[in-house]
């Protein structure tokens, strides 16, 4: 059972999603399972016990609807803070020019805004005047239990689930200054989803394959076990600075193979198709579309 954020007939809802990846899937609105359940992701995770919701959904015989025809939205809240870890795979750090062979010595954190994401089946947008629009396939962590100063050994207790992200990047603007914010926050330049897979606390290192395909050509092939700073370390680092809230998202970094790291560089163009596959999660698929916006 997975959790999704959908739009149907102009109404945004949270819903349980069931069914194998390669067959028609169905959804059941959480408000049908538990009337009055919050439809904001952060509020839902704060107030509503997921095991109860999942159990009630599994037992529900009526109310399931075909997922086809509903629009999948990025699974976040307008209030979500999206923390991103830069250069968190040594091979990616090297391809981006970091001279230290082992990558950064501490998590390199920047932020994205909710408006910078589109959902599964949507279009990642970039200004037509910008020739350096790049992809970054990443594992994203969804916080399900708030906390400050979270100990590394307790970090997984604060994770609700996992989803897939494209940390779409305008490299020219990203590299114009030492701060990544502007190059990472063009409206709808990134993508998130399609669903959140609730997480059972892993035994040992989380090891999931991460692959990105551009027009069906594999561009990235990594594994989350190769992160420089693992998820518990990142959660402990962030929560020592700012209280993490339900519905916050952490993008955990991307492996090697991004367009900017290739020789010659290979950037996205309008009409391209991007697919990001992470083991055990639903795959994220988007198209690429240029817009008439011209950044300063």
Foldseek 3Di string as FASTA:
>chain_A
DFWFWWAAPNDIFIWDKDDDQPDWIKTATLCVLPPPQDRFQQSNLVPPDPVVSVVSVVPDPDRIDTPPRIATFFPFGQPAKEKEFEFQFQQAQVLVPDPPNLTDPATDIDTEGSQQAGEFAAAQEAAPVQPAKKWFKFKKWFFRAKAALDALVCQVVRTFFIWIKIQIFRVVVCPPDVHRHVRRYDGRNMYIDRTTDGDDDDDPAQWKWKWKAKLNHTQATDILSRGSQHPSRVSNVVRNPPIHGGRYMYTYYGHDRMQVSDVVGDHDDAQMKMWMDIPPYRIGIHGYHYDNDDDD
